[in-house]
Amino acid sequence: MLRPPAATRTRTRADKRGGCGPGALTPVPPGGGAPYAELQVTTNYSFLRSASHVEELLASAKALGLAALGITDHNTLASVARAHACAAEAGVRLVVGCRLDLRDGLPVLAYPLDRAGYAGLCRLLTLGKGRAGKGGCDLAWADLVRHGDGLLLVLLPDQPDAGLGAALARLRDGFPGRGYLSLSLRRRPGDAARLHLLAEMAGAPRVPTVVTGDVPITRITPEQVKASGWSDAHASLMAIISLSINPTAHVRFSRLG
């Protein structure tokens, strides 16, 4: 389980060669400083968001020498049991987490710090899914505060606007010492300026920042596709997801056939 703040002091290496979308798993060069732990990864348990299996992501993390991998599927812990077994086999530290989408605020990554935190996260998911019905999850900020003991939260911002300022203030007040702001590349024009402004806004209420890659898919080579035994539909889905995130990804996937 995550231990703040040391486990969240991570750095990124942005892949400037295209890759498979924002935060595609990328190695940190030897001697590059503190080890990098990717704390925002989605698996194929996040429907229509990712097509990579848990074991593929953990194998990539091991090959790249990542210190740890945080699995944060959208509004579900469905991948955790499988991830535990695969992480032990791969020898990669697993950070259990979940992305929670709120109806009255920005989404957050929630990481249990202890048994009580894990129970609280499960309670939140049960509550949200019970309200929304099949396939949905209806949660509000008040629910997080009520059941958030033992949880560390990472706020996922979009733009540095007034709404973010209010969200940072209530994060600081509701989760003192357990609230962070994520800085993630979106690979859009003005990205550097956006990240700079986000960091400045987080500094005002003294909310620390953490780098996350928002990884929806691992790197796939033609050799891996052939060896995997995937159906044409599976390979096509991987390509579609990558193209929706990074339009330059067609160069890589055009060679899969």
C-alpha atoms as a PDB file:
ATOM      1  CA  MET A   1       0.000   0.000   0.000  1.00  0.00           C
ATOM      2  CA  LEU A   2       1.093   3.578  -0.622  1.00  0.00           C
ATOM      3  CA  ARG A   3       3.100   5.394   2.018  1.00  0.00           C
ATOM      4  CA  PRO A   4       3.161   9.203   1.716  1.00  0.00           C
ATOM      5  CA  PRO A   5       5.031  11.289   0.971  1.00  0.00           C
ATOM      6  CA  ALA A   6       8.166   9.435  -0.213  1.00  0.00           C
ATOM      7  CA  ALA A   7       6.273   6.984  -2.414  1.00  0.00           C
ATOM      8  CA  THR A   8       4.689   9.848  -4.331  1.00  0.00           C
ATOM      9  CA  ARG A   9       7.859  11.817  -5.015  1.00  0.00           C
ATOM     10  CA  THR A  10       8.360  10.605  -8.535  1.00  0.00           C
ATOM     11  CA  ARG A  11       9.611  12.012 -11.808  1.00  0.00           C
ATOM     12  CA  THR A  12       8.616  11.447 -15.382  1.00  0.00           C
ATOM     13  CA  ARG A  13      10.400  11.027 -18.674  1.00  0.00           C
ATOM     14  CA  ALA A  14       8.058  12.295 -21.407  1.00  0.00           C
ATOM     15  CA  ASP A  15       8.292  10.195 -24.551  1.00  0.00           C
ATOM     16  CA  LYS A  16       8.850  12.679 -27.392  1.00  0.00           C
ATOM     17  CA  ARG A  17       8.822  10.035 -30.112  1.00  0.00           C
ATOM     18  CA  GLY A  18       5.068   9.497 -30.311  1.00  0.00           C
ATOM     19  CA  GLY A  19       4.593   6.221 -28.452  1.00  0.00           C
ATOM     20  CA  CYS A  20       1.092   5.069 -27.589  1.00  0.00           C
ATOM     21  CA  GLY A  21      -0.462   8.151 -26.061  1.00  0.00           C
ATOM     22  CA  PRO A  22       0.179  10.238 -22.956  1.00  0.00           C
ATOM     23  CA  GLY A  23       2.220   8.396 -20.398  1.00  0.00           C
ATOM     24  CA  ALA A  24       3.030   5.313 -22.476  1.00  0.00           C
ATOM     25  CA  LEU A  25       5.409   3.353 -20.268  1.00  0.00           C
ATOM     26  CA  THR A  26       8.837   4.868 -20.888  1.00  0.00           C
ATOM     27  CA  PRO A  27      12.192   3.953 -19.328  1.00  0.00           C
ATOM     28  CA  VAL A  28      14.102   6.324 -17.087  1.00  0.00           C
ATOM     29  CA  PRO A  29      17.778   6.370 -18.111  1.00  0.00           C
ATOM     30  CA  PRO A  30      20.252   4.813 -15.626  1.00  0.00           C
ATOM     31  CA  GLY A  31      21.682   7.368 -13.258  1.00  0.00           C
ATOM     32  CA  GLY A  32      18.775   9.701 -13.956  1.00  0.00           C
ATOM     33  CA  GLY A  33      18.071  10.360 -10.272  1.00  0.00           C
ATOM     34  CA  ALA A  34      15.206   9.096  -8.115  1.00  0.00           C
ATOM     35  CA  PRO A  35      13.459   5.929  -9.365  1.00  0.00           C
ATOM     36  CA  TYR A  36      10.172   6.476 -11.176  1.00  0.00           C
ATOM     37  CA  ALA A  37       6.976   4.799 -10.037  1.00  0.00           C
ATOM     38  CA  GLU A  38       4.011   5.156 -12.385  1.00  0.00           C
ATOM     39  CA  LEU A  39       0.942   5.738 -10.216  1.00  0.00           C
ATOM     40  CA  GLN A  40      -1.853   6.097 -12.800  1.00  0.00           C
ATOM     41  CA  VAL A  41      -2.322   3.036 -14.995  1.00  0.00           C
ATOM     42  CA  THR A  42      -5.568   1.608 -16.332  1.00  0.00           C
ATOM     43  CA  THR A  43      -6.099  -1.979 -17.432  1.00  0.00           C
ATOM     44  CA  ASN A  44      -8.676  -3.623 -19.682  1.00  0.00           C
ATOM     45  CA  TYR A  45     -10.966  -3.690 -16.638  1.00  0.00           C
ATOM     46  CA  SER A  46     -11.587   0.001 -17.445  1.00  0.00           C
ATOM     47  CA  PHE A  47     -14.070  -0.560 -20.242  1.00  0.00           C
ATOM     48  CA  LEU A  48     -13.415   1.476 -23.433  1.00  0.00           C
ATOM     49  CA  ARG A  49     -10.416   3.123 -21.772  1.00  0.00           C
ATOM     50  CA  SER A  50      -7.653   0.524 -21.947  1.00  0.00           C
ATOM     51  CA  ALA A  51      -7.030  -2.716 -23.808  1.00  0.00           C
ATOM     52  CA  SER A  52      -3.878  -3.882 -21.994  1.00  0.00           C
ATOM     53  CA  HIS A  53      -4.002  -6.855 -19.638  1.00  0.00           C
ATOM     54  CA  VAL A  54      -2.623  -6.562 -16.122  1.00  0.00           C
ATOM     55  CA  GLU A  55       0.221  -8.989 -16.831  1.00  0.00           C
ATOM     56  CA  GLU A  56       1.263  -7.025 -19.932  1.00  0.00           C
ATOM     57  CA  LEU A  57       1.497  -3.776 -18.004  1.00  0.00           C
ATOM     58  CA  LEU A  58       3.451  -5.350 -15.149  1.00  0.00           C
ATOM     59  CA  ALA A  59       5.809  -7.098 -17.561  1.00  0.00           C
ATOM     60  CA  SER A  60       6.467  -3.747 -19.260  1.00  0.00           C
ATOM     61  CA  ALA A  61       7.048  -2.098 -15.882  1.00  0.00           C
ATOM     62  CA  LYS A  62       9.604  -4.762 -14.987  1.00  0.00           C
ATOM     63  CA  ALA A  63      11.362  -4.474 -18.352  1.00  0.00           C
ATOM     64  CA  LEU A  64      11.578  -0.700 -17.949  1.00  0.00           C
ATOM     65  CA  GLY A  65      12.895  -0.912 -14.399  1.00  0.00           C
ATOM     66  CA  LEU A  66      10.018   0.990 -12.791  1.00  0.00           C
ATOM     67  CA  ALA A  67      10.088   1.041  -8.990  1.00  0.00           C
ATOM     68  CA  ALA A  68       6.338   0.368  -8.690  1.00  0.00           C
ATOM     69  CA  LEU A  69       3.101   0.394 -10.650  1.00  0.00           C
ATOM     70  CA  GLY A  70      -0.163   1.913  -9.462  1.00  0.00           C
ATOM     71  CA  ILE A  71      -3.268   0.280 -10.947  1.00  0.00           C
ATOM     72  CA  THR A  72      -6.078   2.852 -10.946  1.00  0.00           C
ATOM     73  CA  ASP A  73      -8.979   1.535 -12.972  1.00  0.00           C
ATOM     74  CA  HIS A  74     -12.068   3.701 -13.328  1.00  0.00           C
ATOM     75  CA  ASN A  75     -14.536   3.224 -10.459  1.00  0.00           C
ATOM     76  CA  THR A  76     -13.540  -0.392  -9.860  1.00  0.00           C
ATOM     77  CA  LEU A  77     -11.090  -2.634  -8.022  1.00  0.00           C
ATOM     78  CA  ALA A  78     -11.864  -5.568 -10.296  1.00  0.00           C
ATOM     79  CA  SER A  79      -8.255  -5.964 -11.444  1.00  0.00           C
ATOM     80  CA  VAL A  80      -6.667  -6.002  -7.979  1.00  0.00           C
ATOM     81  CA  ALA A  81      -6.738  -9.750  -7.276  1.00  0.00           C
ATOM     82  CA  ARG A  82      -5.185 -10.572 -10.640  1.00  0.00           C
ATOM     83  CA  ALA A  83      -2.715  -7.689 -10.301  1.00  0.00           C
ATOM     84  CA  HIS A  84      -1.477  -8.994  -6.929  1.00  0.00           C
ATOM     85  CA  ALA A  85      -0.643 -12.387  -8.408  1.00  0.00           C
ATOM     86  CA  CYS A  86       0.979 -10.897 -11.511  1.00  0.00           C
ATOM     87  CA  ALA A  87       2.983  -8.354  -9.505  1.00  0.00           C
ATOM     88  CA  ALA A  88       4.418 -11.091  -7.295  1.00  0.00           C
ATOM     89  CA  GLU A  89       5.397 -13.085 -10.365  1.00  0.00           C
ATOM     90  CA  ALA A  90       6.936 -10.043 -12.101  1.00  0.00           C
ATOM     91  CA  GLY A  91       8.700  -8.828  -8.961  1.00  0.00           C
ATOM     92  CA  VAL A  92       7.160  -5.340  -9.278  1.00  0.00           C
ATOM     93  CA  ARG A  93       5.683  -3.514  -6.300  1.00  0.00           C
ATOM     94  CA  LEU A  94       1.945  -3.038  -6.760  1.00  0.00           C
ATOM     95  CA  VAL A  95       0.247   0.145  -5.539  1.00  0.00           C
ATOM     96  CA  VAL A  96      -3.481  -0.508  -5.140  1.00  0.00           C
ATOM     97  CA  GLY A  97      -5.681   2.380  -6.167  1.00  0.00           C
ATOM     98  CA  CYS A  98      -8.778   3.451  -8.046  1.00  0.00           C
ATOM     99  CA  ARG A  99      -9.935   6.436 -10.062  1.00  0.00           C
ATOM    100  CA  LEU A 100     -13.187   7.884  -8.715  1.00  0.00           C
ATOM    101  CA  ASP A 101     -15.282  10.123 -10.970  1.00  0.00           C
ATOM    102  CA  LEU A 102     -17.326  12.617  -8.953  1.00  0.00           C
ATOM    103  CA  ARG A 103     -20.570  14.245 -10.051  1.00  0.00           C
ATOM    104  CA  ASP A 104     -19.713  17.522  -8.288  1.00  0.00           C
ATOM    105  CA  GLY A 105     -15.995  17.855  -8.833  1.00  0.00           C
ATOM    106  CA  LEU A 106     -12.830  16.764 -10.547  1.00  0.00           C
ATOM    107  CA  PRO A 107     -11.935  13.051 -10.588  1.00  0.00           C
ATOM    108  CA  VAL A 108      -9.454  11.764  -8.047  1.00  0.00           C
ATOM    109  CA  LEU A 109      -7.097   8.837  -7.656  1.00  0.00           C
ATOM    110  CA  ALA A 110      -7.710   7.145  -4.317  1.00  0.00           C
ATOM    111  CA  TYR A 111      -5.002   4.996  -2.708  1.00  0.00           C
ATOM    112  CA  PRO A 112      -5.621   3.058   0.536  1.00  0.00           C
ATOM    113  CA  LEU A 113      -2.921   3.644   3.143  1.00  0.00           C
ATOM    114  CA  ASP A 114      -4.069   0.868   5.481  1.00  0.00           C
ATOM    115  CA  ARG A 115      -6.813  -1.692   6.063  1.00  0.00           C
ATOM    116  CA  ALA A 116      -9.295   1.009   7.072  1.00  0.00           C
ATOM    117  CA  GLY A 117      -8.558   2.914   3.873  1.00  0.00           C
ATOM    118  CA  TYR A 118      -9.130  -0.166   1.740  1.00  0.00           C
ATOM    119  CA  ALA A 119     -12.430  -0.814   3.526  1.00  0.00           C
ATOM    120  CA  GLY A 120     -13.453   2.801   2.979  1.00  0.00           C
ATOM    121  CA  LEU A 121     -12.650   2.623  -0.732  1.00  0.00           C
ATOM    122  CA  CYS A 122     -14.700  -0.556  -1.103  1.00  0.00           C
ATOM    123  CA  ARG A 123     -17.543   1.130   0.775  1.00  0.00           C
ATOM    124  CA  LEU A 124     -17.410   4.110  -1.590  1.00  0.00           C
ATOM    125  CA  LEU A 125     -17.573   1.887  -4.661  1.00  0.00           C
ATOM    126  CA  THR A 126     -20.483  -0.088  -3.206  1.00  0.00           C
ATOM    127  CA  LEU A 127     -22.316   3.152  -2.426  1.00  0.00           C
ATOM    128  CA  GLY A 128     -21.672   4.708  -5.846  1.00  0.00           C
ATOM    129  CA  LYS A 129     -22.590   1.624  -7.835  1.00  0.00           C
ATOM    130  CA  GLY A 130     -25.717   1.074  -5.764  1.00  0.00           C
ATOM    131  CA  ARG A 131     -26.919   4.566  -6.583  1.00  0.00           C
ATOM    132  CA  ALA A 132     -26.093   4.502 -10.280  1.00  0.00           C
ATOM    133  CA  GLY A 133     -27.100   0.974 -11.188  1.00  0.00           C
ATOM    134  CA  LYS A 134     -25.371  -1.353 -13.610  1.00  0.00           C
ATOM    135  CA  GLY A 135     -22.303   0.122 -15.297  1.00  0.00           C
ATOM    136  CA  GLY A 136     -22.340   3.406 -13.383  1.00  0.00           C
ATOM    137  CA  CYS A 137     -20.923   4.955 -10.230  1.00  0.00           C
ATOM    138  CA  ASP A 138     -22.519   7.997  -8.601  1.00  0.00           C
ATOM    139  CA  LEU A 139     -20.308   9.627  -5.969  1.00  0.00           C
ATOM    140  CA  ALA A 140     -19.988  13.157  -4.569  1.00  0.00           C
ATOM    141  CA  TRP A 141     -17.230  14.940  -2.662  1.00  0.00           C
ATOM    142  CA  ALA A 142     -19.225  14.607   0.579  1.00  0.00           C
ATOM    143  CA  ASP A 143     -19.064  10.817   0.183  1.00  0.00           C
ATOM    144  CA  LEU A 144     -15.262  10.985  -0.058  1.00  0.00           C
ATOM    145  CA  VAL A 145     -15.017  13.042   3.110  1.00  0.00           C
ATOM    146  CA  ARG A 146     -17.405  10.724   4.962  1.00  0.00           C
ATOM    147  CA  HIS A 147     -15.617   7.494   4.008  1.00  0.00           C
ATOM    148  CA  GLY A 148     -12.129   8.801   3.273  1.00  0.00           C
ATOM    149  CA  ASP A 149     -10.255   7.844   6.446  1.00  0.00           C
ATOM    150  CA  GLY A 150      -7.070   6.040   5.460  1.00  0.00           C
ATOM    151  CA  LEU A 151      -7.209   7.220   1.845  1.00  0.00           C
ATOM    152  CA  LEU A 152      -4.634   9.314   0.017  1.00  0.00           C
ATOM    153  CA  LEU A 153      -6.137  11.370  -2.815  1.00  0.00           C
ATOM    154  CA  VAL A 154      -4.570  12.726  -5.995  1.00  0.00           C
ATOM    155  CA  LEU A 155      -6.684  15.342  -7.748  1.00  0.00           C
ATOM    156  CA  LEU A 156      -6.788  15.047 -11.562  1.00  0.00           C
ATOM    157  CA  PRO A 157      -7.056  18.556 -13.032  1.00  0.00           C
ATOM    158  CA  ASP A 158      -7.978  19.617 -16.529  1.00  0.00           C
ATOM    159  CA  GLN A 159      -7.303  23.344 -16.731  1.00  0.00           C
ATOM    160  CA  PRO A 160      -5.834  25.849 -14.219  1.00  0.00           C
ATOM    161  CA  ASP A 161      -9.098  27.727 -13.660  1.00  0.00           C
ATOM    162  CA  ALA A 162     -11.211  28.987 -10.781  1.00  0.00           C
ATOM    163  CA  GLY A 163     -12.856  25.598 -10.396  1.00  0.00           C
ATOM    164  CA  LEU A 164      -9.476  24.034  -9.715  1.00  0.00           C
ATOM    165  CA  GLY A 165      -8.736  26.644  -7.073  1.00  0.00           C
ATOM    166  CA  ALA A 166     -11.885  25.693  -5.169  1.00  0.00           C
ATOM    167  CA  ALA A 167     -11.120  21.980  -5.566  1.00  0.00           C
ATOM    168  CA  LEU A 168      -7.595  22.448  -4.174  1.00  0.00           C
ATOM    169  CA  ALA A 169      -8.942  24.326  -1.157  1.00  0.00           C
ATOM    170  CA  ARG A 170     -11.401  21.608  -0.205  1.00  0.00           C
ATOM    171  CA  LEU A 171      -8.785  18.914  -0.844  1.00  0.00           C
ATOM    172  CA  ARG A 172      -6.412  20.661   1.562  1.00  0.00           C
ATOM    173  CA  ASP A 173      -9.134  21.082   4.198  1.00  0.00           C
ATOM    174  CA  GLY A 174     -10.744  17.660   3.819  1.00  0.00           C
ATOM    175  CA  PHE A 175      -7.563  15.592   3.506  1.00  0.00           C
ATOM    176  CA  PRO A 176      -4.757  17.442   5.298  1.00  0.00           C
ATOM    177  CA  GLY A 177      -1.422  15.766   4.571  1.00  0.00           C
ATOM    178  CA  ARG A 178      -3.144  13.251   2.277  1.00  0.00           C
ATOM    179  CA  GLY A 179      -3.993  15.366  -0.762  1.00  0.00           C
ATOM    180  CA  TYR A 180      -1.937  15.861  -3.940  1.00  0.00           C
ATOM    181  CA  LEU A 181      -2.366  17.388  -7.395  1.00  0.00           C
ATOM    182  CA  SER A 182      -1.464  15.331 -10.455  1.00  0.00           C
ATOM    183  CA  LEU A 183       0.668  16.785 -13.243  1.00  0.00           C
ATOM    184  CA  SER A 184       0.225  14.805 -16.476  1.00  0.00           C
ATOM    185  CA  LEU A 185       1.205  15.537 -20.050  1.00  0.00           C
ATOM    186  CA  ARG A 186      -1.777  15.734 -22.414  1.00  0.00           C
ATOM    187  CA  ARG A 187       0.303  16.151 -25.580  1.00  0.00           C
ATOM    188  CA  ARG A 188      -1.669  19.196 -26.626  1.00  0.00           C
ATOM    189  CA  PRO A 189      -0.580  22.712 -27.606  1.00  0.00           C
ATOM    190  CA  GLY A 190       0.420  24.778 -24.586  1.00  0.00           C
ATOM    191  CA  ASP A 191       1.095  21.744 -22.399  1.00  0.00           C
ATOM    192  CA  ALA A 192       4.202  23.221 -20.750  1.00  0.00           C
ATOM    193  CA  ALA A 193       2.417  26.450 -19.833  1.00  0.00           C
ATOM    194  CA  ARG A 194      -0.563  24.475 -18.512  1.00  0.00           C
ATOM    195  CA  LEU A 195       1.632  22.349 -16.236  1.00  0.00           C
ATOM    196  CA  HIS A 196       3.454  25.437 -14.975  1.00  0.00           C
ATOM    197  CA  LEU A 197       0.180  27.157 -14.061  1.00  0.00           C
ATOM    198  CA  LEU A 198      -1.170  24.003 -12.390  1.00  0.00           C
ATOM    199  CA  ALA A 199       1.955  23.758 -10.233  1.00  0.00           C
ATOM    200  CA  GLU A 200       1.652  27.439  -9.307  1.00  0.00           C
ATOM    201  CA  MET A 201      -1.984  27.016  -8.308  1.00  0.00           C
ATOM    202  CA  ALA A 202      -1.130  24.005  -6.145  1.00  0.00           C
ATOM    203  CA  GLY A 203       1.596  26.003  -4.417  1.00  0.00           C
ATOM    204  CA  ALA A 204      -0.792  28.667  -3.122  1.00  0.00           C
ATOM    205  CA  PRO A 205      -2.768  26.327  -0.788  1.00  0.00           C
ATOM    206  CA  ARG A 206       0.408  24.254  -0.242  1.00  0.00           C
ATOM    207  CA  VAL A 207      -0.927  21.136  -1.964  1.00  0.00           C
ATOM    208  CA  PRO A 208       2.054  19.027  -3.140  1.00  0.00           C
ATOM    209  CA  THR A 209       2.206  17.813  -6.730  1.00  0.00           C
ATOM    210  CA  VAL A 210       2.940  14.352  -8.094  1.00  0.00           C
ATOM    211  CA  VAL A 211       3.757  13.340 -11.668  1.00  0.00           C
ATOM    212  CA  THR A 212       1.539  10.681 -13.238  1.00  0.00           C
ATOM    213  CA  GLY A 213       1.591   9.366 -16.786  1.00  0.00           C
ATOM    214  CA  ASP A 214      -2.103   8.471 -17.168  1.00  0.00           C
ATOM    215  CA  VAL A 215      -1.106   5.235 -18.911  1.00  0.00           C
ATOM    216  CA  PRO A 216      -3.939   3.546 -20.832  1.00  0.00           C
ATOM    217  CA  ILE A 217      -1.865   1.051 -22.800  1.00  0.00           C
ATOM    218  CA  THR A 218       1.554  -0.555 -22.902  1.00  0.00           C
ATOM    219  CA  ARG A 219       3.899  -0.488 -25.884  1.00  0.00           C
ATOM    220  CA  ILE A 220       3.075  -3.154 -28.427  1.00  0.00           C
ATOM    221  CA  THR A 221       5.393  -4.410 -31.144  1.00  0.00           C
ATOM    222  CA  PRO A 222       4.422  -6.537 -34.173  1.00  0.00           C
ATOM    223  CA  GLU A 223       6.396  -9.436 -32.669  1.00  0.00           C
ATOM    224  CA  GLN A 224       4.362  -9.252 -29.460  1.00  0.00           C
ATOM    225  CA  VAL A 225       1.102  -9.254 -31.407  1.00  0.00           C
ATOM    226  CA  LYS A 226       2.096 -12.374 -33.331  1.00  0.00           C
ATOM    227  CA  ALA A 227       3.273 -14.157 -30.181  1.00  0.00           C
ATOM    228  CA  SER A 228       0.209 -13.185 -28.151  1.00  0.00           C
ATOM    229  CA  GLY A 229      -2.327 -15.055 -30.236  1.00  0.00           C
ATOM    230  CA  TRP A 230      -4.676 -12.057 -30.109  1.00  0.00           C
ATOM    231  CA  SER A 231      -7.638 -12.013 -32.413  1.00  0.00           C
ATOM    232  CA  ASP A 232      -7.820  -9.375 -35.131  1.00  0.00           C
ATOM    233  CA  ALA A 233     -10.548  -7.670 -33.085  1.00  0.00           C
ATOM    234  CA  HIS A 234      -8.303  -7.384 -30.019  1.00  0.00           C
ATOM    235  CA  ALA A 235      -5.398  -5.952 -32.027  1.00  0.00           C
ATOM    236  CA  SER A 236      -7.773  -3.522 -33.733  1.00  0.00           C
ATOM    237  CA  LEU A 237      -9.162  -2.371 -30.377  1.00  0.00           C
ATOM    238  CA  MET A 238      -5.628  -1.669 -29.144  1.00  0.00           C
ATOM    239  CA  ALA A 239      -5.009   0.431 -32.241  1.00  0.00           C
ATOM    240  CA  ILE A 240      -8.292   2.342 -31.945  1.00  0.00           C
ATOM    241  CA  ILE A 241      -7.625   3.241 -28.313  1.00  0.00           C
ATOM    242  CA  SER A 242      -4.129   4.445 -29.154  1.00  0.00           C
ATOM    243  CA  LEU A 243      -5.337   6.478 -32.116  1.00  0.00           C
ATOM    244  CA  SER A 244      -8.025   8.148 -30.021  1.00  0.00           C
ATOM    245  CA  ILE A 245      -5.339   9.298 -27.575  1.00  0.00           C
ATOM    246  CA  ASN A 246      -2.441   9.990 -29.930  1.00  0.00           C
ATOM    247  CA  PRO A 247      -3.137  10.505 -33.662  1.00  0.00           C
ATOM    248  CA  THR A 248       0.495   9.703 -34.523  1.00  0.00           C
ATOM    249  CA  ALA A 249       0.133   6.152 -33.200  1.00  0.00           C
ATOM    250  CA  HIS A 250      -1.027   4.876 -36.616  1.00  0.00           C
ATOM    251  CA  VAL A 251       2.619   4.693 -37.675  1.00  0.00           C
ATOM    252  CA  ARG A 252       3.222   1.993 -35.091  1.00  0.00           C
ATOM    253  CA  PHE A 253      -0.025   0.104 -35.559  1.00  0.00           C
ATOM    254  CA  SER A 254       0.010   0.178 -39.352  1.00  0.00           C
ATOM    255  CA  ARG A 255       2.743  -2.443 -39.147  1.00  0.00           C
ATOM    256  CA  LEU A 256       0.785  -4.970 -37.121  1.00  0.00           C
ATOM    257  CA  GLY A 257      -0.670  -6.842 -40.043  1.00  0.00           C
END
